Amino acid sequence: MEFQKDNTFITGRFKSVGYAVKGAVKLLTTEHSVMVQSSVGVLLIIAGFYFQISMTEWLCQTLVVGLVLSIEGLNTAVEKIADFIHPNYHEKIGFIKDIAAGSVFFAAMTAIAVIMMIYVPKFIA
């Protein structure tokens, strides 16, 4: 079956959203790192309700969880493309994959810093 682009605005947008949801489901059901990170996100939601965090704290928490999951999705896409292009080990492909993984590291460290700023004072007080 050949791909045909939908050039109409409304139905084209609905199809785009459908592809995005399909991709999100694939990430959540096939990638272990995304499973772990989304589970942490659910635990943070529970903690947010338990500690009655402020609207600003909810905003920051939501943004960093979304940031980590988004960057992890991009990292996964880079890895899948790299593996498709060159299935065997290659030094340059390894370098590219390491850089993509490094971006997840930066996002995760940012998330940890924000989450600590939100929750550590609640344990100290």
C-alpha atoms as a PDB file:
ATOM      1  CA  MET A   1       0.000   0.000   0.000  1.00  0.00           C
ATOM      2  CA  GLU A   2       1.389   3.356  -1.031  1.00  0.00           C
ATOM      3  CA  PHE A   3       1.415   6.326   1.350  1.00  0.00           C
ATOM      4  CA  GLN A   4      -0.792   9.194   0.269  1.00  0.00           C
ATOM      5  CA  LYS A   5      -0.434  12.546   1.979  1.00  0.00           C
ATOM      6  CA  ASP A   6      -3.667  14.133   3.177  1.00  0.00           C
ATOM      7  CA  ASN A   7      -3.505  17.773   2.082  1.00  0.00           C
ATOM      8  CA  THR A   8      -6.753  18.859   3.706  1.00  0.00           C
ATOM      9  CA  PHE A   9      -6.259  20.851   6.885  1.00  0.00           C
ATOM     10  CA  ILE A  10      -8.733  19.215   9.277  1.00  0.00           C
ATOM     11  CA  THR A  11      -8.361  15.555   8.320  1.00  0.00           C
ATOM     12  CA  GLY A  12      -4.618  16.003   7.894  1.00  0.00           C
ATOM     13  CA  ARG A  13      -4.319  17.270  11.479  1.00  0.00           C
ATOM     14  CA  PHE A  14      -6.432  14.392  12.816  1.00  0.00           C
ATOM     15  CA  LYS A  15      -4.202  11.906  11.021  1.00  0.00           C
ATOM     16  CA  SER A  16      -1.092  13.637  12.408  1.00  0.00           C
ATOM     17  CA  VAL A  17      -2.458  13.392  15.940  1.00  0.00           C
ATOM     18  CA  GLY A  18      -3.283   9.732  15.309  1.00  0.00           C
ATOM     19  CA  TYR A  19       0.308   9.029  14.233  1.00  0.00           C
ATOM     20  CA  ALA A  20       1.614  10.882  17.285  1.00  0.00           C
ATOM     21  CA  VAL A  21      -0.588   8.852  19.640  1.00  0.00           C
ATOM     22  CA  LYS A  22       0.483   5.652  17.871  1.00  0.00           C
ATOM     23  CA  GLY A  23       4.131   6.636  18.372  1.00  0.00           C
ATOM     24  CA  ALA A  24       3.566   7.458  22.046  1.00  0.00           C
ATOM     25  CA  VAL A  25       1.903   4.073  22.592  1.00  0.00           C
ATOM     26  CA  LYS A  26       4.816   2.330  20.842  1.00  0.00           C
ATOM     27  CA  LEU A  27       7.280   4.176  23.093  1.00  0.00           C
ATOM     28  CA  LEU A  28       5.336   3.277  26.241  1.00  0.00           C
ATOM     29  CA  THR A  29       4.900  -0.377  25.308  1.00  0.00           C
ATOM     30  CA  THR A  30       8.284  -1.224  23.771  1.00  0.00           C
ATOM     31  CA  GLU A  31      10.954   0.950  25.370  1.00  0.00           C
ATOM     32  CA  HIS A  32      11.965  -0.015  28.905  1.00  0.00           C
ATOM     33  CA  SER A  33      13.510   3.347  29.703  1.00  0.00           C
ATOM     34  CA  VAL A  34      10.264   5.108  28.771  1.00  0.00           C
ATOM     35  CA  MET A  35       8.310   2.604  30.878  1.00  0.00           C
ATOM     36  CA  VAL A  36      10.511   3.407  33.885  1.00  0.00           C
ATOM     37  CA  GLN A  37      10.416   7.159  33.304  1.00  0.00           C
ATOM     38  CA  SER A  38       6.641   7.235  32.839  1.00  0.00           C
ATOM     39  CA  SER A  39       6.255   5.172  36.017  1.00  0.00           C
ATOM     40  CA  VAL A  40       8.360   7.753  37.846  1.00  0.00           C
ATOM     41  CA  GLY A  41       6.088  10.406  36.340  1.00  0.00           C
ATOM     42  CA  VAL A  42       3.024   8.639  37.767  1.00  0.00           C
ATOM     43  CA  LEU A  43       4.710   8.424  41.189  1.00  0.00           C
ATOM     44  CA  LEU A  44       5.438  12.152  40.998  1.00  0.00           C
ATOM     45  CA  ILE A  45       1.788  12.857  40.221  1.00  0.00           C
ATOM     46  CA  ILE A  46       0.784  10.849  43.287  1.00  0.00           C
ATOM     47  CA  ALA A  47       3.404  12.680  45.376  1.00  0.00           C
ATOM     48  CA  GLY A  48       2.131  16.004  44.055  1.00  0.00           C
ATOM     49  CA  PHE A  49      -1.368  15.271  45.282  1.00  0.00           C
ATOM     50  CA  TYR A  50      -0.098  13.879  48.583  1.00  0.00           C
ATOM     51  CA  PHE A  51       2.080  16.920  49.332  1.00  0.00           C
ATOM     52  CA  GLN A  52      -0.438  19.347  47.811  1.00  0.00           C
ATOM     53  CA  ILE A  53       2.168  21.088  45.705  1.00  0.00           C
ATOM     54  CA  SER A  54       1.430  24.565  44.349  1.00  0.00           C
ATOM     55  CA  MET A  55       0.337  25.370  40.806  1.00  0.00           C
ATOM     56  CA  THR A  56       3.846  26.599  40.006  1.00  0.00           C
ATOM     57  CA  GLU A  57       5.337  23.360  41.336  1.00  0.00           C
ATOM     58  CA  TRP A  58       2.848  21.368  39.233  1.00  0.00           C
ATOM     59  CA  LEU A  59       3.878  23.376  36.208  1.00  0.00           C
ATOM     60  CA  CYS A  60       7.586  22.748  36.784  1.00  0.00           C
ATOM     61  CA  GLN A  61       7.058  19.064  37.563  1.00  0.00           C
ATOM     62  CA  THR A  62       4.909  18.549  34.467  1.00  0.00           C
ATOM     63  CA  LEU A  63       7.414  20.326  32.254  1.00  0.00           C
ATOM     64  CA  VAL A  64      10.423  18.307  33.418  1.00  0.00           C
ATOM     65  CA  VAL A  65       8.584  14.978  33.170  1.00  0.00           C
ATOM     66  CA  GLY A  66       7.465  15.923  29.666  1.00  0.00           C
ATOM     67  CA  LEU A  67      11.001  17.065  28.833  1.00  0.00           C
ATOM     68  CA  VAL A  68      12.558  13.752  29.873  1.00  0.00           C
ATOM     69  CA  LEU A  69       9.952  11.650  28.042  1.00  0.00           C
ATOM     70  CA  SER A  70      10.244  13.805  24.910  1.00  0.00           C
ATOM     71  CA  ILE A  71      14.037  13.691  24.801  1.00  0.00           C
ATOM     72  CA  GLU A  72      13.942   9.942  25.477  1.00  0.00           C
ATOM     73  CA  GLY A  73      11.616   9.564  22.487  1.00  0.00           C
ATOM     74  CA  LEU A  74      14.010  11.499  20.273  1.00  0.00           C
ATOM     75  CA  ASN A  75      16.920   9.430  21.603  1.00  0.00           C
ATOM     76  CA  THR A  76      15.039   6.244  20.762  1.00  0.00           C
ATOM     77  CA  ALA A  77      14.326   7.525  17.246  1.00  0.00           C
ATOM     78  CA  VAL A  78      18.017   8.360  16.714  1.00  0.00           C
ATOM     79  CA  GLU A  79      19.033   4.898  17.943  1.00  0.00           C
ATOM     80  CA  LYS A  80      16.479   3.137  15.714  1.00  0.00           C
ATOM     81  CA  ILE A  81      17.578   5.123  12.642  1.00  0.00           C
ATOM     82  CA  ALA A  82      21.254   4.496  13.413  1.00  0.00           C
ATOM     83  CA  ASP A  83      20.645   0.761  13.868  1.00  0.00           C
ATOM     84  CA  PHE A  84      18.679   0.655  10.603  1.00  0.00           C
ATOM     85  CA  ILE A  85      21.397   2.449   8.668  1.00  0.00           C
ATOM     86  CA  HIS A  86      24.280   0.486  10.173  1.00  0.00           C
ATOM     87  CA  PRO A  87      23.168  -2.640  12.122  1.00  0.00           C
ATOM     88  CA  ASN A  88      26.697  -3.650  13.092  1.00  0.00           C
ATOM     89  CA  TYR A  89      28.874  -1.703  15.482  1.00  0.00           C
ATOM     90  CA  HIS A  90      30.454   1.343  13.941  1.00  0.00           C
ATOM     91  CA  GLU A  91      32.509   3.926  15.812  1.00  0.00           C
ATOM     92  CA  LYS A  92      30.744   6.938  14.277  1.00  0.00           C
ATOM     93  CA  ILE A  93      27.273   5.450  14.872  1.00  0.00           C
ATOM     94  CA  GLY A  94      28.302   4.744  18.477  1.00  0.00           C
ATOM     95  CA  PHE A  95      29.401   8.367  18.836  1.00  0.00           C
ATOM     96  CA  ILE A  96      26.038   9.621  17.518  1.00  0.00           C
ATOM     97  CA  LYS A  97      24.117   7.302  19.840  1.00  0.00           C
ATOM     98  CA  ASP A  98      26.228   8.422  22.813  1.00  0.00           C
ATOM     99  CA  ILE A  99      25.452  12.067  22.058  1.00  0.00           C
ATOM    100  CA  ALA A 100      21.722  11.303  21.850  1.00  0.00           C
ATOM    101  CA  ALA A 101      21.916   9.448  25.170  1.00  0.00           C
ATOM    102  CA  GLY A 102      23.793  12.398  26.646  1.00  0.00           C
ATOM    103  CA  SER A 103      20.848  14.658  25.853  1.00  0.00           C
ATOM    104  CA  VAL A 104      18.617  12.355  27.904  1.00  0.00           C
ATOM    105  CA  PHE A 105      21.158  12.599  30.719  1.00  0.00           C
ATOM    106  CA  PHE A 106      20.958  16.414  30.688  1.00  0.00           C
ATOM    107  CA  ALA A 107      17.158  16.323  30.708  1.00  0.00           C
ATOM    108  CA  ALA A 108      17.127  13.778  33.546  1.00  0.00           C
ATOM    109  CA  MET A 109      19.591  15.800  35.643  1.00  0.00           C
ATOM    110  CA  THR A 110      17.453  18.899  35.118  1.00  0.00           C
ATOM    111  CA  ALA A 111      14.369  16.941  36.166  1.00  0.00           C
ATOM    112  CA  ILE A 112      16.090  15.616  39.281  1.00  0.00           C
ATOM    113  CA  ALA A 113      17.169  19.137  40.265  1.00  0.00           C
ATOM    114  CA  VAL A 114      13.640  20.510  39.838  1.00  0.00           C
ATOM    115  CA  ILE A 115      12.016  17.592  41.652  1.00  0.00           C
ATOM    116  CA  MET A 116      14.467  17.968  44.531  1.00  0.00           C
ATOM    117  CA  MET A 117      13.679  21.695  44.751  1.00  0.00           C
ATOM    118  CA  ILE A 118      10.001  20.816  45.018  1.00  0.00           C
ATOM    119  CA  TYR A 119      10.101  17.860  47.422  1.00  0.00           C
ATOM    120  CA  VAL A 120      13.189  18.209  49.645  1.00  0.00           C
ATOM    121  CA  PRO A 121      11.716  21.232  51.503  1.00  0.00           C
ATOM    122  CA  LYS A 122       8.558  19.211  52.167  1.00  0.00           C
ATOM    123  CA  PHE A 123      10.602  16.563  53.982  1.00  0.00           C
ATOM    124  CA  ILE A 124      12.700  19.096  55.892  1.00  0.00           C
ATOM    125  CA  ALA A 125       9.800  21.250  57.106  1.00  0.00           C
END
